C-alpha atoms as a PDB file:
ATOM      1  CA  MET A   1       0.000   0.000   0.000  1.00  0.00           C
ATOM      2  CA  ARG A   2       1.278   3.456  -0.942  1.00  0.00           C
ATOM      3  CA  HIS A   3       0.918   6.019   1.827  1.00  0.00           C
ATOM      4  CA  VAL A   4       2.252   8.923  -0.204  1.00  0.00           C
ATOM      5  CA  GLU A   5       1.637   9.250  -3.929  1.00  0.00           C
ATOM      6  CA  TRP A   6       3.465  11.373  -6.486  1.00  0.00           C
ATOM      7  CA  SER A   7       1.284  14.036  -7.997  1.00  0.00           C
ATOM      8  CA  ASN A   8       2.018  16.709 -10.584  1.00  0.00           C
ATOM      9  CA  ARG A   9       1.182  19.242  -7.881  1.00  0.00           C
ATOM     10  CA  PHE A  10       4.603  18.353  -6.434  1.00  0.00           C
ATOM     11  CA  SER A  11       6.429  19.055  -9.716  1.00  0.00           C
ATOM     12  CA  VAL A  12       8.895  21.923  -9.560  1.00  0.00           C
ATOM     13  CA  GLY A  13       9.584  21.781 -13.286  1.00  0.00           C
ATOM     14  CA  VAL A  14      13.151  20.487 -13.017  1.00  0.00           C
ATOM     15  CA  PRO A  15      13.218  16.795 -14.011  1.00  0.00           C
ATOM     16  CA  GLU A  16      16.225  15.984 -11.809  1.00  0.00           C
ATOM     17  CA  LEU A  17      14.582  17.495  -8.725  1.00  0.00           C
ATOM     18  CA  ASP A  18      11.227  15.909  -9.520  1.00  0.00           C
ATOM     19  CA  ALA A  19      12.935  12.501  -9.792  1.00  0.00           C
ATOM     20  CA  GLN A  20      14.571  13.106  -6.418  1.00  0.00           C
ATOM     21  CA  HIS A  21      11.186  14.011  -4.946  1.00  0.00           C
ATOM     22  CA  VAL A  22       9.772  10.742  -6.317  1.00  0.00           C
ATOM     23  CA  ARG A  23      12.618   8.867  -4.594  1.00  0.00           C
ATOM     24  CA  ILE A  24      11.828  10.654  -1.320  1.00  0.00           C
ATOM     25  CA  ILE A  25       8.217   9.477  -1.687  1.00  0.00           C
ATOM     26  CA  GLU A  26       9.469   5.911  -2.154  1.00  0.00           C
ATOM     27  CA  LEU A  27      11.529   6.234   1.017  1.00  0.00           C
ATOM     28  CA  LEU A  28       8.548   7.668   2.907  1.00  0.00           C
ATOM     29  CA  ASN A  29       6.501   4.667   1.847  1.00  0.00           C
ATOM     30  CA  ASP A  30       9.322   2.390   2.994  1.00  0.00           C
ATOM     31  CA  MET A  31       9.221   4.256   6.315  1.00  0.00           C
ATOM     32  CA  ALA A  32       5.471   3.631   6.626  1.00  0.00           C
ATOM     33  CA  GLU A  33       5.992  -0.079   6.039  1.00  0.00           C
ATOM     34  CA  ALA A  34       8.854  -0.203   8.536  1.00  0.00           C
ATOM     35  CA  ALA A  35       6.775   1.729  11.083  1.00  0.00           C
ATOM     36  CA  ALA A  36       4.096  -0.943  10.787  1.00  0.00           C
ATOM     37  CA  CYS A  37       6.674  -3.433  12.133  1.00  0.00           C
ATOM     38  CA  PRO A  38       8.294  -1.356  14.901  1.00  0.00           C
ATOM     39  CA  ASP A  39      10.044  -4.391  16.375  1.00  0.00           C
ATOM     40  CA  ASP A  40      12.379  -4.356  13.372  1.00  0.00           C
ATOM     41  CA  GLY A  41      14.503  -1.426  14.521  1.00  0.00           C
ATOM     42  CA  SER A  42      17.267  -2.224  12.049  1.00  0.00           C
ATOM     43  CA  ARG A  43      14.900  -1.719   9.112  1.00  0.00           C
ATOM     44  CA  LEU A  44      13.684   1.600  10.524  1.00  0.00           C
ATOM     45  CA  ARG A  45      17.267   2.762  11.004  1.00  0.00           C
ATOM     46  CA  ALA A  46      18.216   1.701   7.470  1.00  0.00           C
ATOM     47  CA  VAL A  47      15.269   3.538   5.923  1.00  0.00           C
ATOM     48  CA  LEU A  48      15.920   6.633   8.028  1.00  0.00           C
ATOM     49  CA  SER A  49      19.609   6.553   7.093  1.00  0.00           C
ATOM     50  CA  GLY A  50      18.751   6.257   3.399  1.00  0.00           C
ATOM     51  CA  LEU A  51      16.259   9.092   3.668  1.00  0.00           C
ATOM     52  CA  LYS A  52      18.802  11.308   5.416  1.00  0.00           C
ATOM     53  CA  ALA A  53      21.481  10.628   2.780  1.00  0.00           C
ATOM     54  CA  HIS A  54      19.110  11.122  -0.145  1.00  0.00           C
ATOM     55  CA  ALA A  55      17.604  14.262   1.371  1.00  0.00           C
ATOM     56  CA  ALA A  56      21.043  15.800   1.955  1.00  0.00           C
ATOM     57  CA  ALA A  57      22.040  15.217  -1.681  1.00  0.00           C
ATOM     58  CA  HIS A  58      18.671  16.484  -2.898  1.00  0.00           C
ATOM     59  CA  PHE A  59      18.866  19.597  -0.720  1.00  0.00           C
ATOM     60  CA  SER A  60      22.263  20.439  -2.193  1.00  0.00           C
ATOM     61  CA  ALA A  61      20.932  20.139  -5.759  1.00  0.00           C
ATOM     62  CA  GLU A  62      17.786  22.077  -4.930  1.00  0.00           C
ATOM     63  CA  GLU A  63      19.691  24.870  -3.198  1.00  0.00           C
ATOM     64  CA  ALA A  64      21.849  25.278  -6.320  1.00  0.00           C
ATOM     65  CA  VAL A  65      18.672  25.908  -8.328  1.00  0.00           C
ATOM     66  CA  VAL A  66      17.278  28.316  -5.724  1.00  0.00           C
ATOM     67  CA  ARG A  67      20.623  30.148  -5.598  1.00  0.00           C
ATOM     68  CA  GLN A  68      20.313  30.902  -9.328  1.00  0.00           C
ATOM     69  CA  VAL A  69      16.606  31.549  -9.788  1.00  0.00           C
ATOM     70  CA  ALA A  70      15.530  33.034  -6.445  1.00  0.00           C
ATOM     71  CA  PRO A  71      18.593  33.957  -4.375  1.00  0.00           C
ATOM     72  CA  GLU A  72      16.509  35.977  -1.919  1.00  0.00           C
ATOM     73  CA  LEU A  73      14.758  32.715  -0.919  1.00  0.00           C
ATOM     74  CA  LEU A  74      17.975  30.764  -0.358  1.00  0.00           C
ATOM     75  CA  ALA A  75      18.589  31.466   3.346  1.00  0.00           C
ATOM     76  CA  PHE A  76      15.035  30.527   4.294  1.00  0.00           C
ATOM     77  CA  HIS A  77      15.130  27.436   2.086  1.00  0.00           C
ATOM     78  CA  GLN A  78      18.429  26.291   3.591  1.00  0.00           C
ATOM     79  CA  GLY A  79      17.011  26.870   7.070  1.00  0.00           C
ATOM     80  CA  GLU A  80      14.050  24.616   6.313  1.00  0.00           C
ATOM     81  CA  HIS A  81      16.396  21.916   5.062  1.00  0.00           C
ATOM     82  CA  LEU A  82      18.573  22.190   8.171  1.00  0.00           C
ATOM     83  CA  LYS A  83      15.502  21.866  10.418  1.00  0.00           C
ATOM     84  CA  PHE A  84      14.495  18.709   8.563  1.00  0.00           C
ATOM     85  CA  LEU A  85      17.946  17.145   8.906  1.00  0.00           C
ATOM     86  CA  ALA A  86      18.054  18.080  12.606  1.00  0.00           C
ATOM     87  CA  GLN A  87      14.704  16.372  13.163  1.00  0.00           C
ATOM     88  CA  VAL A  88      15.923  13.260  11.344  1.00  0.00           C
ATOM     89  CA  ARG A  89      18.992  13.247  13.626  1.00  0.00           C
ATOM     90  CA  GLU A  90      16.697  13.477  16.668  1.00  0.00           C
ATOM     91  CA  PHE A  91      14.628  10.563  15.377  1.00  0.00           C
ATOM     92  CA  THR A  92      17.793   8.538  14.860  1.00  0.00           C
ATOM     93  CA  LEU A  93      18.943   9.214  18.426  1.00  0.00           C
ATOM     94  CA  ALA A  94      15.493   8.365  19.780  1.00  0.00           C
ATOM     95  CA  LEU A  95      15.448   5.092  17.839  1.00  0.00           C
ATOM     96  CA  ASP A  96      18.838   4.208  19.263  1.00  0.00           C
ATOM     97  CA  ALA A  97      17.507   4.625  22.813  1.00  0.00           C
ATOM     98  CA  ASP A  98      16.421   1.313  24.263  1.00  0.00           C
ATOM     99  CA  ASP A  99      13.330   2.855  25.803  1.00  0.00           C
ATOM    100  CA  HIS A 100      11.909   4.863  22.904  1.00  0.00           C
ATOM    101  CA  PRO A 101       8.115   5.261  22.891  1.00  0.00           C
ATOM    102  CA  PRO A 102       6.322   2.514  20.948  1.00  0.00           C
ATOM    103  CA  MET A 103       4.590   5.125  18.792  1.00  0.00           C
ATOM    104  CA  LEU A 104       7.879   6.730  17.708  1.00  0.00           C
ATOM    105  CA  PRO A 105       8.047   5.007  14.285  1.00  0.00           C
ATOM    106  CA  LEU A 106       4.530   6.161  13.443  1.00  0.00           C
ATOM    107  CA  GLU A 107       5.266   9.681  14.711  1.00  0.00           C
ATOM    108  CA  MET A 108       8.379   9.720  12.524  1.00  0.00           C
ATOM    109  CA  PHE A 109       6.405   8.760   9.443  1.00  0.00           C
ATOM    110  CA  HIS A 110       3.685  11.347  10.069  1.00  0.00           C
ATOM    111  CA  PHE A 111       6.232  14.113  10.662  1.00  0.00           C
ATOM    112  CA  LEU A 112       8.240  13.217   7.542  1.00  0.00           C
ATOM    113  CA  LYS A 113       5.136  12.918   5.355  1.00  0.00           C
ATOM    114  CA  SER A 114       3.722  16.242   6.582  1.00  0.00           C
ATOM    115  CA  TRP A 115       7.056  18.001   6.201  1.00  0.00           C
ATOM    116  CA  PHE A 116       7.499  16.690   2.676  1.00  0.00           C
ATOM    117  CA  GLU A 117       3.999  17.665   1.552  1.00  0.00           C
ATOM    118  CA  ASP A 118       4.172  21.105   3.212  1.00  0.00           C
ATOM    119  CA  HIS A 119       7.695  21.833   1.993  1.00  0.00           C
ATOM    120  CA  ILE A 120       7.205  20.805  -1.614  1.00  0.00           C
ATOM    121  CA  GLY A 121       3.640  22.092  -1.807  1.00  0.00           C
ATOM    122  CA  GLY A 122       4.610  25.421  -0.271  1.00  0.00           C
ATOM    123  CA  VAL A 123       8.270  26.382  -0.005  1.00  0.00           C
ATOM    124  CA  ASP A 124       9.442  24.684  -3.206  1.00  0.00           C
ATOM    125  CA  MET A 125       6.608  26.197  -5.212  1.00  0.00           C
ATOM    126  CA  HIS A 126       8.105  29.666  -4.701  1.00  0.00           C
ATOM    127  CA  TYR A 127      11.171  28.877  -6.796  1.00  0.00           C
ATOM    128  CA  ALA A 128       9.109  26.658  -9.124  1.00  0.00           C
ATOM    129  CA  ALA A 129       6.926  29.672  -9.914  1.00  0.00           C
ATOM    130  CA  ARG A 130      10.066  31.572 -10.936  1.00  0.00           C
ATOM    131  CA  LEU A 131      11.033  28.751 -13.233  1.00  0.00           C
ATOM    132  CA  ARG A 132       7.564  28.543 -14.775  1.00  0.00           C
ATOM    133  CA  HIS A 133       6.294  32.097 -14.889  1.00  0.00           C
ATOM    134  CA  GLY A 134       9.216  34.400 -14.342  1.00  0.00           C
ATOM    135  CA  GLY A 135      10.856  33.785 -17.664  1.00  0.00           C
ATOM    136  CA  VAL A 136      13.718  32.058 -15.903  1.00  0.00           C
ATOM    137  CA  THR A 137      14.869  28.604 -16.951  1.00  0.00           C
ATOM    138  CA  ALA A 138      16.589  25.980 -14.863  1.00  0.00           C
ATOM    139  CA  PRO A 139      20.285  26.769 -14.397  1.00  0.00           C
ATOM    140  CA  THR A 140      22.897  25.563 -16.844  1.00  0.00           C
ATOM    141  CA  GLY A 141      23.805  21.964 -16.215  1.00  0.00           C
ATOM    142  CA  GLN A 142      20.457  21.172 -14.589  1.00  0.00           C
ATOM    143  CA  PRO A 143      18.043  18.978 -16.522  1.00  0.00           C
ATOM    144  CA  GLY A 144      15.449  21.220 -18.067  1.00  0.00           C
ATOM    145  CA  GLY A 145      17.912  24.102 -18.324  1.00  0.00           C
ATOM    146  CA  PRO A 146      20.216  25.350 -21.066  1.00  0.00           C
ATOM    147  CA  GLU A 147      23.243  23.227 -21.849  1.00  0.00           C
END
């Protein structure tokens, strides 16, 4: 069962970033499945580790686009990314504690899902609007941009 589905409403208009967003959705769905079996802490940790690594790489690519098309949004955007990574670190530490609350895996999934939907549906759409309506194209070297 898919708990989060890709939708064109999440598209930022940069194929590379959209593909990364799709991968994040896959990882969120993996998290939901792992949360359904909270006794398998190693699976939860592996999914969370993969999500953290993928998100960090994605954030770097996304910030490069924001830097070029909407530099005034960059500091805020980076701050949102740092908050996300800090929360993932907190979840990792909580999972490592022997006495973490039984509902922690489900709380993790709900936080990550909400953050993803709010961030892409809100924050990311600010730079996406620049790409679509501001006459600005994706930066050189980014898929969808000039070569």
